[in-house]
Protein backbone atom coordinates (compact mmCIF):
# COMPACT_ATOMS: atom_id res chain seq x y z
CA UNK A 1 25.62 -172.18 20.22
CA UNK A 2 22.68 -174.61 20.17
CA UNK A 3 19.60 -173.95 18.05
CA UNK A 4 17.27 -173.46 21.03
CA UNK A 5 19.67 -171.11 22.79
CA UNK A 6 20.10 -168.84 19.77
CA UNK A 7 16.31 -168.36 19.53
CA UNK A 8 16.33 -166.66 22.94
CA UNK A 9 17.70 -163.56 21.26
CA UNK A 10 14.14 -162.54 20.32
CA UNK A 11 11.72 -165.22 21.55
CA UNK A 12 10.36 -165.99 24.99
CA UNK A 13 10.59 -169.52 26.38
CA UNK A 14 6.92 -170.26 25.83
CA UNK A 15 7.17 -169.28 22.14
CA UNK A 16 10.33 -171.35 21.71
CA UNK A 17 8.73 -174.45 23.21
CA UNK A 18 5.65 -174.11 21.01
CA UNK A 19 7.85 -173.70 17.96
CA UNK A 20 10.04 -176.72 18.76
CA UNK A 21 7.01 -178.90 19.49
CA UNK A 22 5.47 -177.97 16.13
CA UNK A 23 8.55 -179.23 14.27
CA UNK A 24 7.56 -182.86 14.92
CA UNK A 25 3.98 -182.42 13.68
CA UNK A 26 2.79 -183.34 10.19
CA UNK A 27 3.20 -180.75 7.45
CA UNK A 28 0.66 -178.82 5.41
CA UNK A 29 1.21 -178.20 1.69
CA UNK A 30 -0.12 -175.71 -0.84
CA UNK A 31 -0.45 -175.06 -4.53
CA UNK A 32 -0.91 -172.05 -6.78
CA UNK A 33 -3.66 -172.57 -9.33
CA UNK A 34 -3.04 -171.54 -12.93
CA UNK A 35 -6.54 -170.35 -13.82
CA UNK A 36 -5.49 -170.02 -17.48
CA UNK A 37 -5.66 -173.82 -17.56
CA UNK A 38 -7.96 -175.01 -14.76
CA UNK A 39 -10.87 -173.54 -12.81
CA UNK A 40 -11.02 -173.49 -8.99
CA UNK A 41 -14.18 -175.60 -9.14
CA UNK A 42 -12.49 -178.36 -11.15
CA UNK A 43 -9.48 -178.30 -8.85
CA UNK A 44 -11.58 -178.70 -5.73
CA UNK A 45 -13.35 -181.69 -7.26
CA UNK A 46 -10.03 -183.38 -7.98
CA UNK A 47 -8.64 -183.56 -4.43
CA UNK A 48 -10.30 -184.55 -1.19
CA UNK A 49 -8.49 -182.34 1.33
CA UNK A 50 -8.05 -179.15 -0.68
CA UNK A 51 -9.37 -175.83 0.66
CA UNK A 52 -8.91 -172.20 -0.35
CA UNK A 53 -6.22 -170.17 1.34
CA UNK A 54 -7.83 -167.70 3.80
CA UNK A 55 -6.79 -164.61 1.79
CA UNK A 56 -4.36 -165.41 -1.06
CA UNK A 57 -6.23 -165.60 -4.35
CA UNK A 58 -5.91 -168.89 -6.26
CA UNK A 59 -3.79 -170.44 -3.52
CA UNK A 60 -5.04 -173.69 -2.00
CA UNK A 61 -4.02 -175.68 1.09
CA UNK A 62 -4.07 -179.49 1.15
CA UNK A 63 -2.96 -182.42 3.30
CA UNK A 64 -0.05 -184.27 1.62
CA UNK A 65 -0.94 -187.42 3.57
CA UNK A 66 -4.29 -187.51 1.78
CA UNK A 67 -3.69 -185.95 -1.65
CA UNK A 68 -0.73 -186.02 -4.05
CA UNK A 69 -1.43 -183.40 -6.75
CA UNK A 70 2.21 -183.56 -7.84
CA UNK A 71 1.63 -187.06 -9.21
CA UNK A 72 -1.31 -186.03 -11.39
CA UNK A 73 -1.36 -185.42 -15.14
CA UNK A 74 -2.76 -181.94 -14.45
CA UNK A 75 0.49 -181.12 -12.65
CA UNK A 76 2.48 -182.05 -15.76
CA UNK A 77 0.15 -179.93 -17.87
CA UNK A 78 0.99 -176.86 -15.76
CA UNK A 79 -2.39 -176.45 -14.09
CA UNK A 80 -0.77 -175.68 -10.74
CA UNK A 81 2.53 -175.22 -8.94
CA UNK A 82 3.23 -176.88 -5.59
CA UNK A 83 4.85 -174.75 -2.91
CA UNK A 84 5.28 -174.23 0.80
CA UNK A 85 2.20 -172.32 2.06
CA UNK A 86 4.04 -169.45 3.77
CA UNK A 87 6.21 -168.71 0.73
CA UNK A 88 3.04 -167.70 -1.15
CA UNK A 89 2.87 -164.56 1.02
CA UNK A 90 6.02 -163.11 -0.58
CA UNK A 91 4.57 -162.29 -4.02
CA UNK A 92 1.18 -161.65 -2.43
CA UNK A 93 2.53 -158.75 -0.37
CA UNK A 94 4.86 -157.50 -3.10
CA UNK A 95 1.78 -157.37 -5.39
CA UNK A 96 3.43 -157.00 -8.83
CA UNK A 97 1.21 -155.56 -11.57
CA UNK A 98 0.90 -156.02 -15.33
CA UNK A 99 3.15 -153.05 -16.17
CA UNK A 100 5.93 -153.90 -13.71
CA UNK A 101 9.53 -154.80 -14.45
CA UNK A 102 10.39 -157.41 -11.79
CA UNK A 103 13.63 -159.05 -10.68
CA UNK A 104 13.72 -162.32 -8.74
CA UNK A 105 17.32 -162.66 -7.60
CA UNK A 106 17.50 -166.20 -6.13
CA UNK A 107 14.60 -167.74 -7.96
CA UNK A 108 14.92 -171.56 -8.11
CA UNK A 109 12.87 -173.69 -8.05
CA UNK A 110 10.48 -170.97 -9.22
CA UNK A 111 7.52 -170.59 -6.89
CA UNK A 112 7.83 -166.85 -6.28
CA UNK A 113 8.58 -166.09 -9.95
CA UNK A 114 5.58 -168.15 -11.05
CA UNK A 115 3.31 -166.54 -8.45
CA UNK A 116 4.41 -163.09 -9.62
CA UNK A 117 3.82 -164.07 -13.25
CA UNK A 118 0.32 -165.32 -12.43
CA UNK A 119 -0.47 -162.07 -10.60
CA UNK A 120 0.84 -160.11 -13.59
CA UNK A 121 -1.34 -162.18 -15.96
CA UNK A 122 1.71 -163.06 -18.08
CA UNK A 123 2.34 -159.35 -18.83
CA UNK A 124 5.14 -156.97 -17.88
CA UNK A 125 8.48 -158.74 -17.50
CA UNK A 126 10.26 -160.81 -14.86
CA UNK A 127 13.99 -161.41 -14.87
CA UNK A 128 14.39 -164.62 -12.91
CA UNK A 129 17.95 -165.32 -11.81
CA UNK A 130 19.52 -168.42 -10.29
CA UNK A 131 23.25 -168.66 -9.70
CA UNK A 132 23.30 -172.50 -9.66
CA UNK A 133 23.21 -173.89 -13.20
CA UNK A 134 21.45 -177.11 -12.22
CA UNK A 135 18.82 -175.27 -10.20
CA UNK A 136 18.41 -172.72 -13.01
CA UNK A 137 17.46 -175.59 -15.34
CA UNK A 138 14.78 -176.72 -12.85
CA UNK A 139 13.57 -173.12 -12.65
CA UNK A 140 13.32 -172.92 -16.44
CA UNK A 141 11.44 -176.23 -16.63
CA UNK A 142 8.85 -175.13 -14.05
CA UNK A 143 8.27 -171.81 -15.80
CA UNK A 144 7.74 -173.53 -19.16
CA UNK A 145 5.44 -176.15 -17.60
CA UNK A 146 3.20 -173.37 -16.26
CA UNK A 147 3.11 -171.66 -19.68
CA UNK A 148 4.69 -168.38 -18.54
CA UNK A 149 5.56 -165.96 -21.32
CA UNK A 150 6.78 -162.93 -19.37
CA UNK A 151 9.80 -164.57 -17.73
CA UNK A 152 13.46 -164.49 -18.78
CA UNK A 153 15.59 -167.05 -16.91
CA UNK A 154 19.22 -166.10 -16.37
CA UNK A 155 22.21 -167.66 -14.60
CA UNK A 156 24.42 -164.78 -13.41
CA UNK A 157 26.28 -163.44 -10.39
CA UNK A 158 24.25 -160.85 -8.50
CA UNK A 159 27.18 -158.42 -8.32
CA UNK A 160 27.27 -158.45 -12.13
CA UNK A 161 23.55 -157.66 -12.29
CA UNK A 162 23.98 -154.81 -9.83
CA UNK A 163 26.56 -153.16 -12.10
CA UNK A 164 24.34 -153.53 -15.18
CA UNK A 165 20.93 -152.56 -13.77
CA UNK A 166 21.19 -149.76 -11.23
CA UNK A 167 17.70 -148.47 -10.31
CA UNK A 168 16.11 -150.54 -13.10
CA UNK A 169 13.32 -152.58 -11.47
CA UNK A 170 9.88 -151.65 -10.14
CA UNK A 171 9.73 -154.70 -7.86
CA UNK A 172 12.43 -157.06 -6.56
CA UNK A 173 12.21 -160.40 -4.78
CA UNK A 174 15.20 -161.41 -2.67
CA UNK A 175 14.50 -164.78 -1.10
CA UNK A 176 18.00 -165.02 0.28
CA UNK A 177 20.06 -168.19 0.73
CA UNK A 178 19.85 -169.04 4.42
CA UNK A 179 20.51 -171.69 7.07
CA UNK A 180 17.08 -173.18 6.34
CA UNK A 181 15.86 -173.74 9.89
CA UNK A 182 12.34 -173.02 8.68
CA UNK A 183 12.60 -176.22 6.63
CA UNK A 184 13.56 -178.52 9.54
CA UNK A 185 10.17 -180.24 9.43
CA UNK A 186 10.40 -180.75 5.68
CA UNK A 187 14.03 -181.80 5.33
CA UNK A 188 15.97 -183.66 8.02
CA UNK A 189 19.25 -182.83 6.27
CA UNK A 190 18.67 -179.12 6.92
CA UNK A 191 18.37 -179.88 10.64
CA UNK A 192 21.53 -181.99 10.68
CA UNK A 193 23.48 -179.35 8.77
CA UNK A 194 22.47 -176.38 10.95
CA UNK A 195 25.05 -174.54 13.04
CA UNK A 196 25.33 -171.05 14.46
CA UNK A 197 28.57 -170.56 12.53
CA UNK A 198 26.63 -171.28 9.34
CA UNK A 199 24.08 -168.64 10.35
CA UNK A 200 26.82 -166.03 10.82
CA UNK A 201 28.53 -166.99 7.54
CA UNK A 202 25.28 -166.65 5.61
CA UNK A 203 24.46 -163.37 7.34
CA UNK A 204 27.49 -161.79 5.66
CA UNK A 205 26.30 -162.98 2.26
CA UNK A 206 22.75 -161.77 2.96
CA UNK A 207 23.99 -158.29 3.90
CA UNK A 208 25.86 -158.04 0.60
CA UNK A 209 22.86 -159.31 -1.37
CA UNK A 210 20.31 -156.99 0.21
CA UNK A 211 22.47 -153.94 -0.56
CA UNK A 212 22.95 -155.09 -4.18
CA UNK A 213 19.23 -155.69 -4.56
CA UNK A 214 18.32 -152.29 -3.13
CA UNK A 215 20.67 -150.54 -5.56
CA UNK A 216 18.80 -152.18 -8.47
CA UNK A 217 15.43 -150.94 -7.20
CA UNK A 218 13.95 -147.82 -8.79
CA UNK A 219 13.06 -144.83 -6.61
CA UNK A 220 9.48 -145.47 -5.55
CA UNK A 221 9.93 -149.20 -6.09
CA UNK A 222 9.31 -152.01 -3.61
CA UNK A 223 11.20 -155.15 -2.72
CA UNK A 224 10.71 -158.13 -0.46
CA UNK A 225 13.49 -159.63 1.62
CA UNK A 226 12.60 -163.11 2.85
CA UNK A 227 14.24 -166.22 4.27
CA UNK A 228 13.12 -169.63 5.48
CA UNK A 229 15.18 -169.14 8.65
CA UNK A 230 14.12 -168.59 12.25
CA UNK A 231 17.41 -166.80 13.04
CA UNK A 232 17.20 -163.17 14.11
CA UNK A 233 20.73 -162.79 12.72
CA UNK A 234 19.61 -163.71 9.19
CA UNK A 235 16.34 -161.82 9.37
CA UNK A 236 15.99 -158.63 11.42
CA UNK A 237 19.73 -157.94 11.63
CA UNK A 238 20.10 -158.09 7.84
CA UNK A 239 17.17 -155.71 7.35
CA UNK A 240 18.58 -153.35 10.00
CA UNK A 241 21.90 -153.41 8.15
CA UNK A 242 20.13 -152.19 5.00
CA UNK A 243 18.33 -149.45 6.94
CA UNK A 244 21.64 -148.27 8.41
CA UNK A 245 23.42 -148.19 5.04
CA UNK A 246 20.72 -146.74 2.76
CA UNK A 247 17.61 -144.59 2.67
CA UNK A 248 15.38 -147.67 2.64
CA UNK A 249 12.00 -147.50 4.35
CA UNK A 250 10.17 -150.45 5.88
CA UNK A 251 6.49 -150.87 5.02
CA UNK A 252 4.07 -152.38 7.52
CA UNK A 253 2.83 -155.79 6.47
CA UNK A 254 -0.94 -155.97 7.20
CA UNK A 255 -1.90 -157.13 10.67
CA UNK A 256 -2.73 -160.77 11.30
CA UNK A 257 -2.88 -162.27 14.77
CA UNK A 258 -1.09 -165.38 13.52
CA UNK A 259 2.05 -163.45 12.57
CA UNK A 260 4.86 -163.00 15.08
CA UNK A 261 6.48 -159.56 15.19
CA UNK A 262 9.75 -158.82 16.94
CA UNK A 263 11.20 -155.39 17.76
CA UNK A 264 11.25 -154.73 14.00
CA UNK A 265 7.47 -154.51 14.08
CA UNK A 266 6.92 -153.93 10.34
CA UNK A 267 8.33 -157.39 9.52
CA UNK A 268 6.77 -160.78 10.21
CA UNK A 269 7.80 -164.28 11.21
CA UNK A 270 5.61 -167.18 10.16
CA UNK A 271 5.84 -170.03 12.66
CA UNK A 272 4.27 -173.50 12.08
CA UNK A 273 2.58 -173.43 15.50
CA UNK A 274 0.82 -170.19 14.52
CA UNK A 275 0.04 -170.63 10.82
CA UNK A 276 -0.27 -173.51 8.34
CA UNK A 277 3.10 -173.91 6.70
CA UNK A 278 6.78 -173.95 7.51
CA UNK A 279 9.00 -171.13 8.78
CA UNK A 280 9.39 -167.87 6.91
CA UNK A 281 10.48 -164.30 7.52
CA UNK A 282 9.22 -161.43 5.34
CA UNK A 283 10.16 -157.75 5.17
CA UNK A 284 8.57 -155.33 2.69
CA UNK A 285 10.90 -152.49 1.71
CA UNK A 286 10.38 -149.29 -0.30
CA UNK A 287 12.88 -146.90 -1.86
CA UNK A 288 11.80 -143.24 -1.41
CA UNK A 289 10.85 -141.36 -4.57
CA UNK A 290 8.35 -141.41 -7.41
CA UNK A 291 8.52 -144.45 -9.64
CA UNK A 292 9.17 -144.00 -13.34
CA UNK A 293 7.55 -146.87 -15.25
CA UNK A 294 9.41 -148.31 -18.21
CA UNK A 295 7.08 -147.96 -21.19
CA UNK A 296 9.50 -148.93 -23.95
CA UNK A 297 7.78 -149.28 -27.28
CA UNK A 298 7.53 -152.92 -28.30
CA UNK A 299 8.72 -153.52 -31.81
CA UNK A 300 8.05 -156.87 -33.41
CA UNK A 301 11.38 -157.71 -34.99
CA UNK A 302 10.15 -160.80 -36.83
CA UNK A 303 6.86 -161.90 -38.30
CA UNK A 304 5.61 -165.26 -37.10
CA UNK A 305 5.21 -167.98 -39.72
CA UNK A 306 1.70 -168.67 -38.42
CA UNK A 307 -1.27 -166.68 -37.13
CA UNK A 308 -1.61 -166.51 -33.35
CA UNK A 309 -4.03 -164.17 -31.60
CA UNK A 310 -2.37 -164.62 -28.19
CA UNK A 311 1.00 -163.44 -29.53
CA UNK A 312 -0.15 -160.64 -31.81
CA UNK A 313 0.86 -157.76 -29.48
CA UNK A 314 4.08 -159.26 -28.15
CA UNK A 315 7.72 -158.54 -28.75
CA UNK A 316 8.97 -161.30 -31.07
CA UNK A 317 12.68 -161.78 -31.62
CA UNK A 318 15.09 -164.41 -32.92
CA UNK A 319 18.27 -165.83 -31.45
CA UNK A 320 19.93 -167.80 -34.20
CA UNK A 321 17.24 -170.00 -35.69
CA UNK A 322 15.08 -169.89 -32.52
CA UNK A 323 12.07 -167.56 -32.11
CA UNK A 324 10.99 -166.13 -28.75
CA UNK A 325 8.11 -164.03 -27.44
CA UNK A 326 8.08 -161.54 -24.55
CA UNK A 327 5.46 -159.08 -23.38
CA UNK A 328 8.03 -156.29 -23.70
CA UNK A 329 11.61 -155.74 -24.75
CA UNK A 330 14.39 -156.22 -22.22
CA UNK A 331 18.08 -155.93 -23.11
CA UNK A 332 19.73 -159.24 -22.10
CA UNK A 333 22.81 -159.04 -24.33
CA UNK A 334 25.23 -159.00 -21.39
CA UNK A 335 23.51 -161.83 -19.52
CA UNK A 336 23.81 -165.60 -19.46
CA UNK A 337 20.30 -166.39 -20.68
CA UNK A 338 18.84 -169.88 -20.31
CA UNK A 339 15.33 -168.99 -21.38
CA UNK A 340 14.77 -165.78 -23.31
CA UNK A 341 11.02 -165.68 -22.81
CA UNK A 342 8.51 -168.06 -24.37
CA UNK A 343 10.25 -170.21 -26.95
CA UNK A 344 7.99 -170.38 -29.99
CA UNK A 345 10.04 -172.70 -32.17
CA UNK A 346 12.88 -172.94 -34.65
CA UNK A 347 13.23 -172.22 -38.34
CA UNK A 348 14.74 -175.46 -39.63
CA UNK A 349 15.77 -176.31 -43.20
CA UNK A 350 12.68 -178.45 -43.63
CA UNK A 351 10.31 -175.85 -42.15
CA UNK A 352 9.24 -174.26 -38.89
CA UNK A 353 9.24 -176.59 -35.86
CA UNK A 354 7.01 -175.57 -32.94
CA UNK A 355 8.54 -175.82 -29.47
CA UNK A 356 7.03 -177.84 -26.64
CA UNK A 357 7.03 -174.69 -24.46
CA UNK A 358 4.60 -173.01 -26.86
CA UNK A 359 2.11 -175.85 -26.43
CA UNK A 360 1.88 -175.08 -22.71
CA UNK A 361 1.05 -171.45 -23.48
CA UNK A 362 -1.54 -171.91 -26.23
CA UNK A 363 -5.02 -173.34 -25.92
CA UNK A 364 -6.01 -173.02 -29.57
CA UNK A 365 -4.23 -173.48 -32.91
CA UNK A 366 -5.03 -173.59 -36.61
CA UNK A 367 -4.82 -177.41 -36.48
CA UNK A 368 -5.65 -178.95 -33.12
CA UNK A 369 -6.57 -182.38 -31.81
CA UNK A 370 -8.36 -183.17 -28.56
CA UNK A 371 -7.15 -186.25 -26.71
CA UNK A 372 -9.13 -188.49 -24.39
CA UNK A 373 -7.63 -189.13 -20.97
CA UNK A 374 -6.64 -192.63 -22.07
CA UNK A 375 -4.86 -191.19 -25.11
CA UNK A 376 -3.19 -188.55 -22.94
CA UNK A 377 -1.79 -191.26 -20.64
CA UNK A 378 -0.53 -193.19 -23.67
CA UNK A 379 1.09 -190.05 -25.07
CA UNK A 380 2.91 -189.32 -21.79
CA UNK A 381 4.21 -192.88 -21.86
CA UNK A 382 5.80 -192.11 -25.22
CA UNK A 383 3.38 -194.08 -27.36
CA UNK A 384 2.18 -193.21 -30.85
CA UNK A 385 -1.58 -192.68 -31.11
CA UNK A 386 -3.71 -194.00 -33.95
CA UNK A 387 -6.79 -192.00 -34.91
CA UNK A 388 -9.08 -192.71 -37.86
CA UNK A 389 -10.62 -189.23 -37.73
CA UNK A 390 -7.50 -187.16 -38.48
CA UNK A 391 -8.35 -184.64 -41.19
CA UNK A 392 -4.85 -183.82 -42.41
CA UNK A 393 -1.13 -184.40 -42.03
CA UNK A 394 1.17 -181.84 -40.38
CA UNK A 395 1.88 -180.19 -37.04
CA UNK A 396 -1.03 -180.13 -34.62
CA UNK A 397 -1.53 -178.78 -31.13
CA UNK A 398 -2.64 -181.61 -28.86
CA UNK A 399 -5.20 -180.60 -26.25
CA UNK A 400 -6.74 -182.25 -23.23
CA UNK A 401 -9.94 -180.59 -21.99
CA UNK A 402 -8.77 -177.36 -23.61
CA UNK A 403 -5.27 -177.51 -22.06
CA UNK A 404 -2.22 -177.56 -24.32
CA UNK A 405 -0.22 -180.81 -24.13
CA UNK A 406 2.36 -180.78 -26.92
CA UNK A 407 2.93 -180.21 -30.61
CA UNK A 408 2.94 -183.43 -32.59
CA UNK A 409 3.04 -184.40 -36.26
CA UNK A 410 0.17 -186.33 -37.78
CA UNK A 411 0.97 -188.76 -40.59
CA UNK A 412 -1.59 -191.05 -42.24
CA UNK A 413 -3.88 -191.48 -39.25
CA UNK A 414 -1.08 -191.56 -36.66
CA UNK A 415 -0.05 -188.97 -34.07
CA UNK A 416 3.70 -189.25 -33.84
CA UNK A 417 5.00 -188.73 -30.32
CA UNK A 418 7.22 -185.64 -30.05
CA UNK A 419 7.08 -185.29 -26.26
CA UNK A 420 10.64 -184.67 -24.96
CA UNK A 421 11.95 -187.94 -23.52
CA UNK A 422 12.75 -186.34 -20.18
CA UNK A 423 9.05 -185.52 -19.70
CA UNK A 424 7.71 -188.99 -20.43
CA UNK A 425 6.29 -190.94 -17.49
CA UNK A 426 3.61 -193.40 -16.43
CA UNK A 427 0.45 -192.41 -14.58
């Protein structure tokens, strides 16, 4: 079955033609602002085409033909995360709060996890899972770059998680693997690889995943099922399958004239001829009942070897010689953990070594050094920096305009470059 023909299952000819015509138009891009590092005013002064999203807080739309925020130093510092505009609606409508326990089941490259973490103000906890090891590493990198403390990155099969965590999460994000027709405009390979047989194959996987996800949701909890597919088979039919095989209830997503609604009127399709962005489908689901929040007492298992106001109320634990911080305890002993929260550092034979991830979380330290932009560029290139005004030798937090850059060691008027080699680049 051809792509156009399969759309006739739920779209009229006029809608199909408008959709197909929009797939050859230029794209719109977006970013989520990390206000812990950069103000909206500063951001808007940095880029010519950037404008606020109509209703999503700290989300901004820009023209990628005019601006390239991903090539800026501020991007490397974790001031913002680039994403497809429509995908920002997923966490927006799920609306996780500071006391939530959240699961993101298919999380890479990390946009929805990061958005949830920003909404939660780095509190509560997010278990962010990615089954692909290589993509899980990208997920972990993005989370560390944005300075997120409340995220545990894991690399596990979803069926395994379902057995371990029945009715355990307040909120769940299931951005399911799909045929990717909503990304045709962004990626030509997705268009070339599309087939109706692929849609039907993925539908079977999606049905299994949505049932697993729902079983992990607490009574009274909410979850989002989303895809970047235009296929009714991967969208409405999967949601209907859940409704037929559980007590799940669909919640109405707020009305917007730019959304397309099929016979499953509570759900929405986002089409590029109707809204700025690529294709997306979103369903908001609730499990009947009264939610029981997890208020486990946080016990600091280890004392930090330094004073840190921002970590004083957190759950601190050690894995081997490595120290980690989380907003609350979560039992991960049966999981394949790639990132067990914010990595603080390691207790080495020659003393405590602060981790690069910690530098992207902190904005103040007992010994800190502010860099000029020229020095910052030199540091990212891997150069050592000479400074005559250094007051002491030892580990220092490097800052640029109040934003954490890295931990480095100062020795006799020199800032030795400790930036991980994989992060070094020219600007």
